[in-house]
Amino acid sequence: LIEIYLRIRREDIALLKFAIESYEEIGIVRTLDRKKATVAVLAMPDYLPHMRAVLESLREHMDWYEIPPPEEQDDWLMQKVHDE
């Protein structure tokens, strides 16, 4: 999985999850910190260009910016992805 870390507005978390997950098989969204509205988008390598295109299209509806991976992971799935 390819990890894309984003910071968005809290009220946009549900919209992002719905939009990404409505495209079957390209990826999933994990909320890492609800208060800071930090999310991880996990994309399959073959679908990375499609994921980037979906994210860019969402700029019309929400503000987001890519951030570096958090140093500490307290989400079990993200820790497993990091370890592999």
C-alpha atoms as a PDB file:
ATOM      1  CA  LEU A   1       0.000   0.000   0.000  1.00  0.00           C
ATOM      2  CA  ILE A   2       1.068   3.550  -0.717  1.00  0.00           C
ATOM      3  CA  GLU A   3       0.441   5.939   2.172  1.00  0.00           C
ATOM      4  CA  ILE A   4      -0.672   9.521   1.550  1.00  0.00           C
ATOM      5  CA  TYR A   5      -1.025  11.602   4.705  1.00  0.00           C
ATOM      6  CA  LEU A   6      -3.366  14.586   4.588  1.00  0.00           C
ATOM      7  CA  ARG A   7      -4.488  17.383   6.848  1.00  0.00           C
ATOM      8  CA  ILE A   8      -8.061  18.495   6.183  1.00  0.00           C
ATOM      9  CA  ARG A   9     -10.869  20.246   8.041  1.00  0.00           C
ATOM     10  CA  ARG A  10     -12.604  18.049  10.603  1.00  0.00           C
ATOM     11  CA  GLU A  11     -15.949  18.537   8.924  1.00  0.00           C
ATOM     12  CA  ASP A  12     -14.497  17.163   5.660  1.00  0.00           C
ATOM     13  CA  ILE A  13     -13.398  13.782   7.036  1.00  0.00           C
ATOM     14  CA  ALA A  14     -16.693  12.059   6.166  1.00  0.00           C
ATOM     15  CA  LEU A  15     -16.742  13.593   2.679  1.00  0.00           C
ATOM     16  CA  LEU A  16     -13.196  12.405   1.993  1.00  0.00           C
ATOM     17  CA  LYS A  17     -13.962   8.885   3.246  1.00  0.00           C
ATOM     18  CA  PHE A  18     -17.149   8.699   1.198  1.00  0.00           C
ATOM     19  CA  ALA A  19     -15.516  10.011  -1.976  1.00  0.00           C
ATOM     20  CA  ILE A  20     -12.455   7.747  -1.824  1.00  0.00           C
ATOM     21  CA  GLU A  21     -14.300   4.623  -0.777  1.00  0.00           C
ATOM     22  CA  SER A  22     -16.984   5.096  -3.428  1.00  0.00           C
ATOM     23  CA  TYR A  23     -14.305   4.240  -5.986  1.00  0.00           C
ATOM     24  CA  GLU A  24     -13.973   0.533  -5.351  1.00  0.00           C
ATOM     25  CA  GLU A  25     -10.495  -0.922  -5.074  1.00  0.00           C
ATOM     26  CA  ILE A  26      -8.401   2.258  -5.342  1.00  0.00           C
ATOM     27  CA  GLY A  27      -7.939   2.766  -1.620  1.00  0.00           C
ATOM     28  CA  ILE A  28      -9.228   3.403   1.851  1.00  0.00           C
ATOM     29  CA  VAL A  29      -9.102   6.254   4.345  1.00  0.00           C
ATOM     30  CA  ARG A  30      -7.968   5.974   7.969  1.00  0.00           C
ATOM     31  CA  THR A  31      -8.561   8.803  10.414  1.00  0.00           C
ATOM     32  CA  LEU A  32      -5.400   9.122  12.473  1.00  0.00           C
ATOM     33  CA  ASP A  33      -6.356  12.119  14.595  1.00  0.00           C
ATOM     34  CA  ARG A  34      -9.923  13.473  14.615  1.00  0.00           C
ATOM     35  CA  LYS A  35      -9.010  16.618  16.519  1.00  0.00           C
ATOM     36  CA  LYS A  36      -6.195  17.592  14.145  1.00  0.00           C
ATOM     37  CA  ALA A  37      -8.076  16.144  11.155  1.00  0.00           C
ATOM     38  CA  THR A  38      -5.113  14.050  10.086  1.00  0.00           C
ATOM     39  CA  VAL A  39      -5.948  11.189   7.762  1.00  0.00           C
ATOM     40  CA  ALA A  40      -4.058   8.539   5.852  1.00  0.00           C
ATOM     41  CA  VAL A  41      -5.175   7.547   2.402  1.00  0.00           C
ATOM     42  CA  LEU A  42      -3.980   4.046   1.557  1.00  0.00           C
ATOM     43  CA  ALA A  43      -3.791   3.399  -2.163  1.00  0.00           C
ATOM     44  CA  MET A  44      -2.941   0.284  -4.095  1.00  0.00           C
ATOM     45  CA  PRO A  45       0.213   0.956  -6.151  1.00  0.00           C
ATOM     46  CA  ASP A  46      -1.531   0.226  -9.472  1.00  0.00           C
ATOM     47  CA  TYR A  47      -4.215   2.774  -8.639  1.00  0.00           C
ATOM     48  CA  LEU A  48      -1.976   5.563  -7.340  1.00  0.00           C
ATOM     49  CA  PRO A  49      -2.474   7.814 -10.421  1.00  0.00           C
ATOM     50  CA  HIS A  50      -6.245   7.377 -10.067  1.00  0.00           C
ATOM     51  CA  MET A  51      -6.068   8.170  -6.344  1.00  0.00           C
ATOM     52  CA  ARG A  52      -4.088  11.336  -7.041  1.00  0.00           C
ATOM     53  CA  ALA A  53      -6.675  12.335  -9.658  1.00  0.00           C
ATOM     54  CA  VAL A  54      -9.537  11.780  -7.202  1.00  0.00           C
ATOM     55  CA  LEU A  55      -7.743  13.832  -4.546  1.00  0.00           C
ATOM     56  CA  GLU A  56      -7.139  16.658  -7.007  1.00  0.00           C
ATOM     57  CA  SER A  57     -10.801  16.630  -8.040  1.00  0.00           C
ATOM     58  CA  LEU A  58     -11.780  16.959  -4.372  1.00  0.00           C
ATOM     59  CA  ARG A  59      -9.972  20.314  -4.167  1.00  0.00           C
ATOM     60  CA  GLU A  60     -13.136  21.825  -5.667  1.00  0.00           C
ATOM     61  CA  HIS A  61     -15.037  20.742  -2.540  1.00  0.00           C
ATOM     62  CA  MET A  62     -12.472  20.805   0.260  1.00  0.00           C
ATOM     63  CA  ASP A  63      -9.091  22.129   1.235  1.00  0.00           C
ATOM     64  CA  TRP A  64      -6.399  19.558   1.930  1.00  0.00           C
ATOM     65  CA  TYR A  65      -2.668  19.434   1.999  1.00  0.00           C
ATOM     66  CA  GLU A  66      -0.228  16.572   2.102  1.00  0.00           C
ATOM     67  CA  ILE A  67       1.900  16.181   5.205  1.00  0.00           C
ATOM     68  CA  PRO A  68       4.826  13.924   6.126  1.00  0.00           C
ATOM     69  CA  PRO A  69       4.056  10.677   7.945  1.00  0.00           C
ATOM     70  CA  PRO A  70       3.575  11.082  11.691  1.00  0.00           C
ATOM     71  CA  GLU A  71       6.554   9.902  13.712  1.00  0.00           C
ATOM     72  CA  GLU A  72       4.351   7.855  16.039  1.00  0.00           C
ATOM     73  CA  GLN A  73       1.530   5.598  14.918  1.00  0.00           C
ATOM     74  CA  ASP A  74      -1.165   4.549  17.358  1.00  0.00           C
ATOM     75  CA  ASP A  75      -3.411   3.052  14.676  1.00  0.00           C
ATOM     76  CA  TRP A  76      -2.797  -0.716  14.478  1.00  0.00           C
ATOM     77  CA  LEU A  77      -3.258  -0.906  10.700  1.00  0.00           C
ATOM     78  CA  MET A  78      -0.974   2.023   9.990  1.00  0.00           C
ATOM     79  CA  GLN A  79       1.668   0.576  12.309  1.00  0.00           C
ATOM     80  CA  LYS A  80       1.467  -2.733  10.457  1.00  0.00           C
ATOM     81  CA  VAL A  81       1.774  -0.978   7.073  1.00  0.00           C
ATOM     82  CA  HIS A  82       4.784   0.949   8.363  1.00  0.00           C
ATOM     83  CA  ASP A  83       6.473  -2.163   9.723  1.00  0.00           C
ATOM     84  CA  GLU A  84       6.163  -4.036   6.449  1.00  0.00           C
END
